N, C-alpha and C. Protein backbone atom coordinates (compact mmCIF):
# COMPACT_ATOMS: atom_id res chain seq x y z
N MET A 1 -34.88 -2.19 20.44
CA MET A 1 -33.72 -2.97 19.74
C MET A 1 -33.96 -4.38 19.20
N ALA A 2 -33.87 -4.12 17.57
CA ALA A 2 -33.97 -5.35 17.07
C ALA A 2 -32.79 -5.84 16.34
N ILE A 3 -32.46 -7.01 16.82
CA ILE A 3 -31.31 -7.56 16.45
C ILE A 3 -31.59 -8.74 15.43
N ARG A 4 -31.25 -8.62 14.00
CA ARG A 4 -31.66 -9.53 12.93
C ARG A 4 -30.55 -10.66 12.68
N GLU A 5 -30.96 -11.51 12.18
CA GLU A 5 -30.23 -12.70 11.80
C GLU A 5 -29.41 -12.28 10.70
N VAL A 6 -28.08 -12.47 10.70
CA VAL A 6 -27.33 -11.97 9.59
C VAL A 6 -27.19 -13.56 8.61
N LEU A 7 -27.46 -13.21 7.25
CA LEU A 7 -27.25 -14.35 6.47
C LEU A 7 -26.01 -14.91 6.24
N LYS A 8 -25.72 -16.23 6.15
CA LYS A 8 -24.21 -16.64 5.65
C LYS A 8 -24.19 -16.91 4.25
N MET A 9 -22.86 -16.81 4.07
CA MET A 9 -22.43 -17.44 2.65
C MET A 9 -23.29 -18.49 2.30
N GLY A 10 -23.83 -18.89 1.14
CA GLY A 10 -24.24 -20.02 0.70
C GLY A 10 -25.95 -19.70 0.55
N ASP A 11 -26.23 -18.71 1.30
CA ASP A 11 -27.55 -18.43 1.11
C ASP A 11 -27.93 -17.31 -0.34
N PRO A 12 -28.74 -18.07 -1.13
CA PRO A 12 -28.79 -17.17 -2.46
C PRO A 12 -29.31 -15.80 -2.36
N ARG A 13 -29.94 -15.22 -1.37
CA ARG A 13 -30.16 -14.20 -1.19
C ARG A 13 -29.01 -12.94 -1.08
N LEU A 14 -27.90 -13.56 -0.49
CA LEU A 14 -26.69 -12.83 -0.48
C LEU A 14 -26.21 -12.27 -2.23
N LEU A 15 -26.71 -13.31 -2.85
CA LEU A 15 -25.99 -13.38 -4.46
C LEU A 15 -27.08 -12.31 -5.32
N THR A 16 -28.30 -12.01 -4.68
CA THR A 16 -29.26 -11.05 -5.53
C THR A 16 -28.77 -9.93 -5.59
N PRO A 17 -28.69 -9.04 -6.68
CA PRO A 17 -28.40 -7.87 -6.45
C PRO A 17 -29.69 -6.78 -5.80
N ALA A 18 -29.24 -5.92 -5.16
CA ALA A 18 -30.31 -5.30 -4.38
C ALA A 18 -30.93 -3.99 -4.98
N LEU A 19 -31.99 -3.59 -4.67
CA LEU A 19 -32.87 -2.54 -5.50
C LEU A 19 -32.67 -1.34 -4.88
N PRO A 20 -32.66 -0.28 -5.61
CA PRO A 20 -32.50 0.95 -5.37
C PRO A 20 -33.82 1.63 -4.18
N VAL A 21 -33.43 2.35 -3.24
CA VAL A 21 -34.57 2.86 -2.26
C VAL A 21 -35.06 4.08 -3.26
N GLU A 22 -36.68 3.97 -3.10
CA GLU A 22 -37.13 5.02 -3.68
C GLU A 22 -37.91 5.99 -2.89
N ASP A 23 -38.34 5.43 -1.72
CA ASP A 23 -39.22 6.12 -0.60
C ASP A 23 -38.19 6.36 0.63
N PHE A 24 -37.61 7.70 0.69
CA PHE A 24 -36.63 7.72 1.68
C PHE A 24 -37.60 8.00 3.07
N ALA A 25 -38.84 8.37 3.05
CA ALA A 25 -39.91 8.61 3.93
C ALA A 25 -40.51 7.74 4.74
N SER A 26 -40.30 6.31 4.17
CA SER A 26 -41.03 5.32 4.73
C SER A 26 -40.64 4.98 6.15
N PRO A 27 -41.65 4.54 6.90
CA PRO A 27 -41.41 3.96 8.30
C PRO A 27 -40.38 2.55 8.07
N GLU A 28 -40.64 1.94 7.17
CA GLU A 28 -40.14 0.49 7.16
C GLU A 28 -38.43 0.67 6.66
N LEU A 29 -38.10 1.82 5.85
CA LEU A 29 -36.91 2.20 5.80
C LEU A 29 -36.08 2.65 6.88
N ALA A 30 -36.79 3.28 7.67
CA ALA A 30 -36.57 3.91 9.31
C ALA A 30 -36.12 2.91 10.18
N GLN A 31 -36.99 1.83 10.13
CA GLN A 31 -36.93 0.69 11.28
C GLN A 31 -35.75 -0.05 10.55
N LEU A 32 -35.70 -0.40 9.18
CA LEU A 32 -34.56 -1.19 8.59
C LEU A 32 -33.13 -0.65 9.24
N ILE A 33 -33.01 0.81 8.95
CA ILE A 33 -31.82 1.19 9.44
C ILE A 33 -31.54 1.00 11.17
N VAL A 34 -32.44 1.16 11.78
CA VAL A 34 -32.23 1.06 13.27
C VAL A 34 -31.95 -0.32 13.48
N ASP A 35 -32.35 -1.26 12.70
CA ASP A 35 -32.54 -3.08 12.99
C ASP A 35 -31.04 -3.18 12.47
N MET A 36 -30.39 -2.53 11.44
CA MET A 36 -29.33 -2.64 11.16
C MET A 36 -27.95 -2.10 11.85
N HIS A 37 -28.24 -0.63 12.57
CA HIS A 37 -27.47 -0.35 13.32
C HIS A 37 -27.31 -1.20 14.53
N ASP A 38 -28.52 -1.77 15.21
CA ASP A 38 -28.75 -2.65 16.33
C ASP A 38 -27.83 -3.80 16.05
N THR A 39 -28.01 -4.58 14.75
CA THR A 39 -27.36 -5.86 14.51
C THR A 39 -25.80 -5.57 14.49
N MET A 40 -25.55 -4.47 13.74
CA MET A 40 -24.11 -4.31 13.59
C MET A 40 -23.23 -4.10 14.81
N ARG A 41 -23.89 -3.55 15.82
CA ARG A 41 -23.29 -3.23 17.08
C ARG A 41 -23.30 -4.23 18.07
N ALA A 42 -24.52 -5.26 17.94
CA ALA A 42 -24.41 -6.34 18.71
C ALA A 42 -23.51 -7.28 18.47
N LEU A 43 -22.89 -7.30 17.19
CA LEU A 43 -22.28 -8.32 16.50
C LEU A 43 -20.69 -7.73 16.38
N ASN A 44 -20.54 -6.52 17.05
CA ASN A 44 -19.13 -5.70 16.80
C ASN A 44 -18.59 -5.51 15.39
N GLY A 45 -19.56 -5.57 14.27
CA GLY A 45 -19.09 -5.28 12.99
C GLY A 45 -18.47 -4.12 12.69
N ALA A 46 -18.02 -3.95 11.56
CA ALA A 46 -17.56 -2.76 11.14
C ALA A 46 -18.36 -2.05 10.30
N GLY A 47 -19.27 -2.93 9.74
CA GLY A 47 -20.30 -2.36 8.60
C GLY A 47 -21.45 -3.50 8.43
N LEU A 48 -22.65 -3.17 7.91
CA LEU A 48 -23.47 -3.90 7.51
C LEU A 48 -24.40 -3.64 5.83
N ALA A 49 -24.76 -4.44 5.33
CA ALA A 49 -25.58 -4.19 4.27
C ALA A 49 -26.87 -5.07 4.23
N ALA A 50 -27.98 -3.91 4.04
CA ALA A 50 -29.36 -4.73 4.02
C ALA A 50 -29.43 -6.18 3.36
N PRO A 51 -28.59 -6.42 2.51
CA PRO A 51 -29.12 -7.99 2.03
C PRO A 51 -28.47 -8.97 3.11
N GLN A 52 -27.47 -8.60 3.85
CA GLN A 52 -27.24 -9.45 4.79
C GLN A 52 -28.30 -10.09 5.87
N ILE A 53 -29.14 -9.13 5.80
CA ILE A 53 -30.19 -9.35 6.82
C ILE A 53 -31.52 -9.59 6.12
N GLY A 54 -31.34 -10.01 4.75
CA GLY A 54 -32.35 -10.62 4.11
C GLY A 54 -33.15 -9.50 3.38
N VAL A 55 -32.80 -8.28 3.30
CA VAL A 55 -33.44 -7.33 2.79
C VAL A 55 -32.89 -6.51 1.44
N GLY A 56 -33.51 -6.75 0.35
CA GLY A 56 -32.84 -6.53 -0.74
C GLY A 56 -32.83 -4.88 -1.31
N LEU A 57 -32.52 -4.24 -0.48
CA LEU A 57 -32.52 -2.72 -1.05
C LEU A 57 -31.20 -2.19 -0.67
N GLN A 58 -30.81 -1.16 -1.35
CA GLN A 58 -29.22 -0.44 -1.49
C GLN A 58 -29.08 0.50 -0.34
N VAL A 59 -28.85 -0.31 0.98
CA VAL A 59 -28.51 0.38 2.16
C VAL A 59 -27.44 -0.22 2.93
N VAL A 60 -26.22 0.55 2.96
CA VAL A 60 -25.36 0.18 3.92
C VAL A 60 -25.04 1.08 5.11
N ILE A 61 -24.73 0.52 5.89
CA ILE A 61 -24.17 1.24 7.09
C ILE A 61 -22.55 1.12 7.62
N PHE A 62 -21.78 1.89 7.78
CA PHE A 62 -20.39 1.47 8.48
C PHE A 62 -20.03 2.30 9.52
N GLU A 63 -19.22 1.59 10.31
CA GLU A 63 -18.41 2.69 11.47
C GLU A 63 -17.19 2.09 11.98
N VAL A 64 -16.33 2.70 12.00
CA VAL A 64 -15.01 2.08 12.95
C VAL A 64 -14.47 2.97 14.14
N ALA A 65 -14.84 2.83 15.16
CA ALA A 65 -14.04 3.51 16.35
C ALA A 65 -12.75 2.92 16.70
N ALA A 66 -12.48 3.43 17.91
CA ALA A 66 -10.98 2.42 18.13
C ALA A 66 -11.45 1.20 18.65
N ASN A 67 -10.75 0.30 17.81
CA ASN A 67 -10.89 -1.06 17.79
C ASN A 67 -9.88 -1.95 17.80
N PRO A 68 -9.65 -2.87 18.74
CA PRO A 68 -8.73 -3.60 19.03
C PRO A 68 -8.51 -4.61 17.88
N ARG A 69 -9.65 -4.83 16.94
CA ARG A 69 -9.31 -5.72 15.91
C ARG A 69 -8.71 -5.15 14.78
N TYR A 70 -8.63 -3.69 14.93
CA TYR A 70 -7.82 -2.95 13.75
C TYR A 70 -6.99 -1.75 14.30
N PRO A 71 -5.90 -1.92 15.18
CA PRO A 71 -5.33 -1.10 15.96
C PRO A 71 -4.60 -0.24 15.12
N ASP A 72 -4.42 -0.42 13.83
CA ASP A 72 -3.60 0.59 13.09
C ASP A 72 -4.57 1.11 12.15
N ALA A 73 -5.91 0.87 12.20
CA ALA A 73 -6.87 1.61 11.21
C ALA A 73 -7.31 2.93 11.95
N GLU A 74 -7.34 3.92 10.77
CA GLU A 74 -7.93 5.16 11.15
C GLU A 74 -9.66 4.76 11.40
N SER A 75 -10.20 6.06 12.40
CA SER A 75 -11.41 5.86 12.65
C SER A 75 -12.37 6.17 11.00
N VAL A 76 -13.61 5.46 10.86
CA VAL A 76 -14.36 5.80 9.95
C VAL A 76 -15.79 6.08 10.80
N PRO A 77 -16.32 7.47 10.18
CA PRO A 77 -17.17 7.92 10.80
C PRO A 77 -18.59 6.78 10.62
N TYR A 78 -19.60 7.08 11.50
CA TYR A 78 -21.01 6.22 11.44
C TYR A 78 -21.59 6.71 10.12
N THR A 79 -21.84 6.03 9.23
CA THR A 79 -22.46 6.55 7.85
C THR A 79 -23.52 5.55 7.44
N VAL A 80 -24.82 6.15 7.10
CA VAL A 80 -25.62 5.37 6.45
C VAL A 80 -25.73 5.93 4.94
N LEU A 81 -25.45 4.90 3.96
CA LEU A 81 -25.18 5.31 2.74
C LEU A 81 -26.10 4.59 1.77
N ILE A 82 -27.13 5.03 1.18
CA ILE A 82 -28.31 4.49 0.43
C ILE A 82 -28.01 4.80 -1.04
N ASN A 83 -28.27 3.68 -1.87
CA ASN A 83 -28.10 3.97 -3.34
C ASN A 83 -26.80 4.80 -3.68
N PRO A 84 -25.67 4.01 -3.21
CA PRO A 84 -24.41 4.12 -3.38
C PRO A 84 -23.68 4.19 -4.63
N LEU A 85 -23.09 5.25 -5.07
CA LEU A 85 -22.15 5.06 -6.47
C LEU A 85 -20.89 5.07 -6.20
N LEU A 86 -19.91 4.14 -6.43
CA LEU A 86 -18.39 4.36 -5.93
C LEU A 86 -17.83 4.68 -7.25
N THR A 87 -16.84 5.56 -7.06
CA THR A 87 -15.91 6.10 -8.22
C THR A 87 -14.41 6.19 -7.63
N PRO A 88 -13.55 4.96 -8.30
CA PRO A 88 -12.18 5.02 -7.97
C PRO A 88 -11.41 6.06 -8.13
N LEU A 89 -10.74 6.59 -7.34
CA LEU A 89 -9.88 7.94 -7.85
C LEU A 89 -8.41 7.52 -7.99
N SER A 90 -8.12 6.46 -8.00
CA SER A 90 -6.78 5.86 -8.69
C SER A 90 -7.05 4.32 -9.08
N ASP A 91 -5.95 3.89 -9.98
CA ASP A 91 -6.06 2.52 -10.44
C ASP A 91 -5.13 1.77 -9.47
N GLU A 92 -4.77 2.50 -8.21
CA GLU A 92 -3.99 1.63 -7.21
C GLU A 92 -4.64 0.67 -6.37
N LEU A 93 -4.40 -0.77 -6.35
CA LEU A 93 -4.82 -1.74 -5.32
C LEU A 93 -4.08 -2.02 -4.41
N GLU A 94 -4.69 -2.39 -3.20
CA GLU A 94 -3.95 -2.54 -2.18
C GLU A 94 -4.52 -3.75 -1.32
N ASP A 95 -3.82 -5.05 -1.21
CA ASP A 95 -4.50 -6.03 -0.50
C ASP A 95 -4.45 -5.87 1.11
N GLY A 96 -5.54 -6.21 1.29
CA GLY A 96 -5.78 -6.27 2.85
C GLY A 96 -6.64 -7.53 3.42
N TRP A 97 -6.52 -7.57 4.75
CA TRP A 97 -7.30 -8.94 5.35
C TRP A 97 -8.81 -8.13 5.70
N GLU A 98 -9.60 -9.09 5.26
CA GLU A 98 -10.81 -8.65 5.55
C GLU A 98 -12.02 -10.01 6.02
N GLY A 99 -12.61 -9.71 6.97
CA GLY A 99 -13.45 -10.84 7.37
C GLY A 99 -15.13 -10.14 7.20
N CYS A 100 -15.92 -10.90 7.41
CA CYS A 100 -17.35 -10.60 7.32
C CYS A 100 -18.54 -11.57 7.87
N LEU A 101 -19.70 -10.66 8.63
CA LEU A 101 -20.28 -11.39 9.43
C LEU A 101 -21.14 -12.25 8.58
N SER A 102 -21.25 -12.52 7.22
CA SER A 102 -21.69 -13.49 6.77
C SER A 102 -20.85 -14.48 6.08
N VAL A 103 -19.60 -14.34 6.61
CA VAL A 103 -18.64 -15.58 6.34
C VAL A 103 -17.93 -15.55 7.82
N PRO A 104 -18.61 -16.12 8.63
CA PRO A 104 -18.11 -16.21 9.84
C PRO A 104 -16.79 -17.09 10.28
N GLY A 105 -15.81 -16.68 11.20
CA GLY A 105 -15.00 -17.40 11.65
C GLY A 105 -13.75 -17.54 10.30
N MET A 106 -14.01 -16.50 9.25
CA MET A 106 -12.80 -16.65 8.15
C MET A 106 -12.32 -15.35 7.89
N ARG A 107 -11.21 -15.56 7.38
CA ARG A 107 -10.73 -13.88 6.71
C ARG A 107 -9.76 -14.30 5.47
N GLY A 108 -9.76 -13.20 4.44
CA GLY A 108 -9.02 -13.55 3.38
C GLY A 108 -8.12 -12.15 2.87
N LEU A 109 -7.43 -12.24 2.19
CA LEU A 109 -6.53 -11.20 1.71
C LEU A 109 -7.27 -10.80 0.30
N VAL A 110 -7.71 -9.60 0.47
CA VAL A 110 -8.60 -8.99 -0.77
C VAL A 110 -8.15 -7.78 -1.25
N PRO A 111 -7.80 -7.53 -2.65
CA PRO A 111 -7.45 -6.23 -3.30
C PRO A 111 -8.46 -5.28 -3.22
N ARG A 112 -8.25 -3.94 -3.11
CA ARG A 112 -9.35 -3.14 -3.04
C ARG A 112 -8.83 -1.57 -3.53
N HIS A 113 -9.33 -0.85 -4.23
CA HIS A 113 -8.95 0.22 -4.67
C HIS A 113 -8.47 1.40 -3.24
N THR A 114 -7.37 1.85 -3.37
CA THR A 114 -6.58 2.50 -2.05
C THR A 114 -7.41 4.02 -2.15
N ALA A 115 -8.15 4.61 -3.07
CA ALA A 115 -8.83 5.70 -2.80
C ALA A 115 -10.12 5.85 -3.73
N LEU A 116 -11.09 6.57 -3.24
CA LEU A 116 -12.38 6.06 -4.08
C LEU A 116 -13.24 7.57 -3.66
N ARG A 117 -14.22 7.84 -4.29
CA ARG A 117 -15.43 8.71 -3.94
C ARG A 117 -16.63 8.06 -4.02
N TYR A 118 -17.41 8.30 -2.85
CA TYR A 118 -18.60 7.51 -2.81
C TYR A 118 -19.77 8.91 -2.46
N GLN A 119 -20.80 8.48 -3.40
CA GLN A 119 -22.03 9.29 -3.40
C GLN A 119 -23.32 8.32 -3.17
N GLY A 120 -24.01 9.11 -2.52
CA GLY A 120 -25.40 8.56 -2.34
C GLY A 120 -26.22 9.23 -1.64
N PHE A 121 -27.30 8.98 -0.36
CA PHE A 121 -28.04 9.49 0.22
C PHE A 121 -27.77 8.97 1.83
N ASP A 122 -28.08 9.86 2.60
CA ASP A 122 -28.32 9.54 3.82
C ASP A 122 -29.86 9.04 4.35
N ALA A 123 -30.10 8.73 5.31
CA ALA A 123 -31.51 8.18 6.03
C ALA A 123 -32.53 9.19 5.82
N ALA A 124 -32.07 10.45 5.66
CA ALA A 124 -33.16 11.49 5.39
C ALA A 124 -33.44 12.11 3.84
N GLY A 125 -32.26 11.02 3.03
CA GLY A 125 -32.48 11.52 1.70
C GLY A 125 -31.75 12.49 1.22
N GLN A 126 -30.72 13.02 2.11
CA GLN A 126 -29.84 14.04 1.61
C GLN A 126 -28.51 13.56 0.96
N PRO A 127 -27.99 14.24 0.00
CA PRO A 127 -26.97 13.74 -0.61
C PRO A 127 -25.51 13.68 0.48
N VAL A 128 -24.83 12.64 0.26
CA VAL A 128 -23.75 12.31 0.64
C VAL A 128 -22.53 12.15 -0.32
N ASP A 129 -21.52 12.86 -0.10
CA ASP A 129 -20.36 12.78 -1.16
C ASP A 129 -19.11 13.08 -0.56
N ARG A 130 -18.38 11.85 -0.47
CA ARG A 130 -17.13 11.93 0.09
C ARG A 130 -15.92 11.33 -0.58
N SER A 131 -14.70 12.02 -0.29
CA SER A 131 -13.59 11.17 -1.14
C SER A 131 -12.81 10.55 0.04
N VAL A 132 -12.45 9.48 -0.11
CA VAL A 132 -11.86 8.77 1.19
C VAL A 132 -10.61 7.63 0.50
N SER A 133 -9.83 7.43 1.43
CA SER A 133 -8.57 6.36 1.30
C SER A 133 -8.28 5.56 2.41
N ALA A 134 -7.63 4.67 2.17
CA ALA A 134 -7.04 3.47 2.96
C ALA A 134 -8.20 2.67 3.47
N PHE A 135 -8.18 2.77 4.78
CA PHE A 135 -9.26 1.80 5.44
C PHE A 135 -10.54 2.16 5.11
N HIS A 136 -11.02 3.34 5.23
CA HIS A 136 -12.26 3.72 5.01
C HIS A 136 -12.73 3.28 3.44
N ALA A 137 -11.75 3.37 2.54
CA ALA A 137 -12.34 3.22 1.35
C ALA A 137 -12.63 1.48 1.35
N ARG A 138 -11.71 0.87 1.96
CA ARG A 138 -12.04 -0.70 1.99
C ARG A 138 -13.32 -1.04 2.36
N VAL A 139 -13.50 -0.27 3.77
CA VAL A 139 -15.00 -0.89 4.42
C VAL A 139 -16.13 -0.34 3.23
N VAL A 140 -15.75 0.79 2.83
CA VAL A 140 -17.00 1.26 1.83
C VAL A 140 -17.03 0.00 0.78
N GLN A 141 -16.10 -0.49 0.00
CA GLN A 141 -16.10 -1.23 -0.82
C GLN A 141 -16.51 -2.54 -0.77
N HIS A 142 -16.21 -3.01 0.65
CA HIS A 142 -16.60 -4.26 1.21
C HIS A 142 -18.20 -4.16 1.31
N GLU A 143 -18.73 -3.05 1.74
CA GLU A 143 -20.22 -3.32 2.08
C GLU A 143 -20.79 -2.94 0.80
N VAL A 144 -20.56 -2.14 -0.08
CA VAL A 144 -21.29 -2.03 -1.38
C VAL A 144 -21.09 -3.24 -2.20
N ASP A 145 -20.01 -3.84 -2.12
CA ASP A 145 -19.95 -5.35 -2.71
C ASP A 145 -21.42 -6.01 -2.53
N HIS A 146 -21.73 -6.19 -1.25
CA HIS A 146 -23.02 -6.75 -0.91
C HIS A 146 -24.24 -6.33 -1.59
N LEU A 147 -24.26 -5.39 -2.08
CA LEU A 147 -25.33 -4.61 -2.92
C LEU A 147 -25.42 -5.37 -4.18
N HIS A 148 -24.40 -5.86 -4.73
CA HIS A 148 -24.01 -6.37 -6.09
C HIS A 148 -23.99 -7.82 -6.05
N GLY A 149 -24.50 -8.60 -4.66
CA GLY A 149 -24.24 -9.95 -4.56
C GLY A 149 -22.87 -10.49 -4.57
N VAL A 150 -22.06 -9.51 -4.18
CA VAL A 150 -20.69 -9.97 -4.05
C VAL A 150 -20.23 -10.18 -2.70
N LEU A 151 -19.56 -11.41 -2.35
CA LEU A 151 -18.86 -11.59 -1.12
C LEU A 151 -17.75 -11.44 -1.14
N TYR A 152 -16.70 -11.08 -0.29
CA TYR A 152 -15.46 -10.78 -0.21
C TYR A 152 -14.45 -12.22 -0.82
N PRO A 153 -14.85 -13.45 -0.47
CA PRO A 153 -14.36 -14.43 -1.19
C PRO A 153 -14.02 -14.52 -2.40
N MET A 154 -15.29 -13.75 -2.94
CA MET A 154 -15.29 -13.87 -4.65
C MET A 154 -14.06 -12.95 -5.18
N ARG A 155 -13.54 -12.26 -4.42
CA ARG A 155 -12.51 -10.87 -5.09
C ARG A 155 -11.11 -11.46 -4.49
N ILE A 156 -10.82 -12.62 -3.43
CA ILE A 156 -9.63 -13.25 -3.46
C ILE A 156 -8.93 -13.54 -4.52
N ARG A 157 -7.57 -13.06 -4.72
CA ARG A 157 -6.98 -13.71 -5.86
C ARG A 157 -6.12 -14.86 -5.73
N ASP A 158 -5.86 -15.18 -4.53
CA ASP A 158 -4.99 -16.23 -4.29
C ASP A 158 -5.30 -17.17 -2.91
N LEU A 159 -6.03 -18.28 -2.85
CA LEU A 159 -6.63 -18.74 -2.22
C LEU A 159 -5.92 -19.22 -0.97
N ARG A 160 -4.66 -19.51 -1.10
CA ARG A 160 -3.80 -19.55 0.01
C ARG A 160 -3.91 -18.47 1.09
N TYR A 161 -4.54 -17.35 0.71
CA TYR A 161 -4.56 -16.45 1.66
C TYR A 161 -6.00 -16.31 2.14
N PHE A 162 -6.78 -17.49 2.22
CA PHE A 162 -8.04 -17.45 2.77
C PHE A 162 -8.27 -18.57 3.71
N GLY A 163 -8.76 -18.42 5.05
CA GLY A 163 -8.90 -19.41 5.81
C GLY A 163 -9.79 -19.10 7.05
N PHE A 164 -9.56 -20.05 8.02
CA PHE A 164 -10.07 -19.74 9.24
C PHE A 164 -9.35 -18.59 9.97
N THR A 165 -10.07 -17.86 10.69
CA THR A 165 -9.09 -16.46 11.58
C THR A 165 -8.17 -17.18 12.45
N ASP A 166 -8.62 -18.21 13.15
CA ASP A 166 -7.79 -18.86 14.28
C ASP A 166 -6.67 -19.57 13.71
N ALA A 167 -6.52 -20.13 12.53
CA ALA A 167 -5.61 -20.78 12.07
C ALA A 167 -4.50 -19.87 11.24
N LEU A 168 -5.06 -18.70 10.64
CA LEU A 168 -4.29 -17.63 9.97
C LEU A 168 -3.40 -16.77 11.07
N PHE A 169 -4.58 -16.50 12.09
CA PHE A 169 -3.55 -15.66 13.23
C PHE A 169 -3.85 -16.15 14.55
N PRO A 170 -2.88 -17.05 14.71
CA PRO A 170 -3.20 -17.85 16.01
C PRO A 170 -2.78 -16.94 17.25
N GLY A 171 -3.76 -17.23 18.28
CA GLY A 171 -3.51 -16.27 19.51
C GLY A 171 -3.99 -14.99 19.35
N GLN A 172 -4.50 -14.57 18.17
CA GLN A 172 -5.11 -13.30 18.02
C GLN A 172 -6.73 -13.39 18.21
N ASN A 173 -7.10 -12.28 19.05
CA ASN A 173 -8.66 -12.53 19.27
C ASN A 173 -9.47 -11.61 18.09
N LEU A 174 -9.28 -12.14 16.93
CA LEU A 174 -10.34 -11.15 15.85
C LEU A 174 -11.49 -11.79 15.68
N GLN A 175 -12.37 -10.97 15.23
CA GLN A 175 -13.61 -11.32 15.24
C GLN A 175 -14.02 -11.06 13.88
N ASP A 176 -15.35 -11.23 13.45
CA ASP A 176 -15.89 -11.02 12.10
C ASP A 176 -16.15 -9.48 11.72
N ASP A 177 -16.01 -9.10 10.59
CA ASP A 177 -16.63 -7.74 10.44
C ASP A 177 -17.89 -7.81 10.20
């Protein structure tokens, strides 16, 4: 089990676009995915992108099971997504509260596409192709943004809806994503 340090907003590595994975059979890729999984689980995150642990490759993982932080959210299956391509299935955007392991203790209201198709590859280099909506679509967009050097505060339209979690939601035990 290898829990890696998560970079925080302000670290220039989070702003650098990630490179595509070319060797799906490499032991380094396999270890990266294990480390990402262990780190995400240890920190109770909904997802994690490789740049968040200082690795500039196009790899994201995500999963949301029954989670008291998201009581109304549907489950999102554990997914390893490499070299992703997102295609919006609608122009409709919806605002939703987001947090991030790289922006600890804060939340912001972020517009995201309500439905999209994501394509890419799994850890074995097999194609992944899913059409999703609602919270699943939000999680994927948030994680893939990291691969382009975008953190969720950059997408907030009105900074009145960005702040410390405990001030925005007093009495609620919300953690970072």
